Protein backbone atom coordinates (compact mmCIF):
# COMPACT_ATOMS: atom_id res chain seq x y z
CA MET A 1 9.31 -12.11 -24.16
CA ASN A 2 5.98 -10.18 -24.30
CA LYS A 3 6.69 -6.75 -22.71
CA LYS A 4 3.92 -4.15 -22.22
CA ILE A 5 4.21 -0.78 -20.65
CA ILE A 6 1.35 0.04 -18.31
CA THR A 7 0.41 3.68 -17.81
CA THR A 8 -2.56 5.69 -16.19
CA LEU A 9 -3.53 9.22 -15.57
CA ASN A 10 -4.77 7.97 -12.22
CA ALA A 11 -1.40 7.63 -10.72
CA PRO A 12 1.50 10.17 -10.74
CA ALA A 13 3.46 10.62 -14.05
CA PRO A 14 7.08 9.30 -13.77
CA ILE A 15 9.47 11.93 -12.51
CA GLY A 16 12.38 10.21 -14.21
CA PRO A 17 13.35 7.78 -16.88
CA TYR A 18 11.07 4.96 -16.05
CA ASN A 19 7.41 3.59 -16.37
CA GLN A 20 4.57 3.23 -13.77
CA ALA A 21 4.69 -0.47 -14.47
CA VAL A 22 5.92 -3.09 -16.91
CA MET A 23 4.17 -6.37 -17.87
CA ILE A 24 6.22 -9.29 -18.82
CA ASN A 25 4.01 -12.20 -19.90
CA ASN A 26 1.60 -12.45 -16.63
CA THR A 27 3.84 -10.70 -14.31
CA LEU A 28 3.58 -6.95 -13.34
CA TYR A 29 6.52 -4.97 -12.04
CA LEU A 30 5.22 -1.75 -10.38
CA SER A 31 7.72 1.21 -9.88
CA GLY A 32 8.01 2.58 -6.48
CA GLN A 33 5.07 5.07 -5.73
CA ILE A 34 5.68 8.08 -3.45
CA PRO A 35 2.70 10.21 -1.84
CA LEU A 36 2.26 12.27 -5.03
CA VAL A 37 -1.34 13.27 -5.90
CA PRO A 38 -1.71 12.40 -9.59
CA GLU A 39 -3.92 15.38 -10.59
CA THR A 40 -1.52 18.12 -9.19
CA MET A 41 1.78 16.15 -8.83
CA GLU A 42 1.84 17.85 -5.33
CA LEU A 43 3.05 15.82 -2.18
CA VAL A 44 0.87 14.70 0.63
CA GLU A 45 2.95 15.67 3.59
CA GLY A 46 2.82 16.01 7.29
CA ASP A 47 1.01 12.72 8.26
CA ILE A 48 2.70 9.40 7.49
CA LYS A 49 -0.56 7.72 7.62
CA LYS A 50 -1.99 10.08 4.92
CA GLU A 51 1.18 9.74 2.95
CA THR A 52 0.87 5.92 2.98
CA GLU A 53 -2.90 6.02 1.98
CA GLN A 54 -1.76 8.08 -1.11
CA VAL A 55 0.99 5.73 -1.99
CA MET A 56 -1.46 2.71 -1.79
CA ARG A 57 -4.10 4.66 -3.89
CA ASN A 58 -1.42 5.40 -6.56
CA LEU A 59 -0.33 1.51 -6.62
CA GLU A 60 -4.16 0.59 -6.78
CA ALA A 61 -4.55 2.86 -9.82
CA VAL A 62 -1.57 1.22 -11.56
CA LEU A 63 -2.88 -2.23 -10.77
CA LYS A 64 -6.25 -1.43 -12.18
CA ALA A 65 -4.69 -0.15 -15.39
CA ALA A 66 -3.26 -3.67 -15.78
CA GLU A 67 -6.63 -5.21 -14.98
CA MET A 68 -5.22 -6.46 -11.64
CA SER A 69 -5.95 -5.74 -7.80
CA PHE A 70 -4.16 -6.17 -4.62
CA GLU A 71 -5.30 -9.77 -4.70
CA ASN A 72 -2.84 -10.18 -7.43
CA VAL A 73 0.27 -8.76 -5.51
CA VAL A 74 2.90 -11.39 -4.85
CA LYS A 75 5.77 -9.24 -3.36
CA THR A 76 6.07 -5.67 -2.04
CA SER A 77 9.18 -3.55 -1.07
CA ILE A 78 8.53 -0.71 1.52
CA PHE A 79 11.29 1.85 1.86
CA LEU A 80 11.05 4.21 4.73
CA SER A 81 13.05 7.31 5.73
CA ASP A 82 12.67 6.30 9.46
CA MET A 83 11.89 2.92 10.79
CA GLY A 84 10.08 4.71 13.63
CA SER A 85 7.10 5.09 11.07
CA PHE A 86 6.89 1.47 10.69
CA GLY A 87 3.90 0.83 12.81
CA LYS A 88 1.74 3.70 11.32
CA VAL A 89 2.86 2.62 7.75
CA ASN A 90 2.05 -1.09 8.39
CA GLU A 91 -1.44 -0.10 9.73
CA ILE A 92 -2.40 1.60 6.56
CA TYR A 93 -0.78 -1.08 4.33
CA ALA A 94 -2.43 -3.85 6.11
CA SER A 95 -5.85 -2.49 5.42
CA TYR A 96 -5.24 -3.29 1.73
CA PHE A 97 -4.64 -6.92 2.00
CA ASP A 98 -6.29 -10.12 3.29
CA HIS A 99 -3.94 -11.39 6.30
CA GLU A 100 -4.25 -14.95 4.97
CA THR A 101 -3.22 -14.05 1.49
CA ALA A 102 -1.00 -11.13 2.11
CA PRO A 103 2.09 -10.84 -0.18
CA ALA A 104 5.81 -11.58 0.63
CA ARG A 105 7.36 -8.31 1.76
CA GLU A 106 10.44 -6.63 3.11
CA THR A 107 10.76 -3.10 4.73
CA THR A 108 14.03 -1.23 4.68
CA ALA A 109 15.12 2.04 6.19
CA VAL A 110 16.90 4.26 3.70
CA LYS A 111 18.90 7.60 4.25
CA THR A 112 16.70 9.51 1.67
CA LEU A 113 14.00 9.02 -0.95
CA PRO A 114 12.96 10.89 -4.06
CA LYS A 115 11.59 14.35 -3.17
CA SER A 116 12.68 13.71 0.44
CA VAL A 117 9.55 11.71 1.06
CA ARG A 118 9.14 9.46 4.08
CA VAL A 119 7.66 6.37 2.29
CA GLU A 120 8.00 4.53 -1.01
CA ILE A 121 6.47 1.28 -2.03
CA SER A 122 6.83 -0.93 -5.04
CA MET A 123 5.11 -4.11 -5.89
CA ILE A 124 5.22 -7.33 -8.04
CA ALA A 125 1.90 -8.76 -9.20
CA ALA A 126 0.85 -11.86 -11.30
CA LYS A 127 -2.18 -12.86 -13.11
């Protein structure tokens, strides 16, 4: 097994015992990202669209650190604290993917998320 830890200063530093991403052979497993601004580690709050945009920018930074892009993403998991946010989150999320080649995905409502955020997204990408 060829395991490589992927890190970048352009995405939030982990807030627990995990890495931003792990590459195994040609598959990249991205940890869940929340709407933390990497430079300040402050949360974007108050607007679910802006929060989702920050999450997607964080994921994009990790993908770039692994020399990948959203085109490489094959699976995503979206976690919401309120399924009522689904439409707004989906609108921002969809802007990052071509509908014809969008990855597989599930969206789950959960009771709480780290730092009490409203959205967290993780991904799997492949070269």
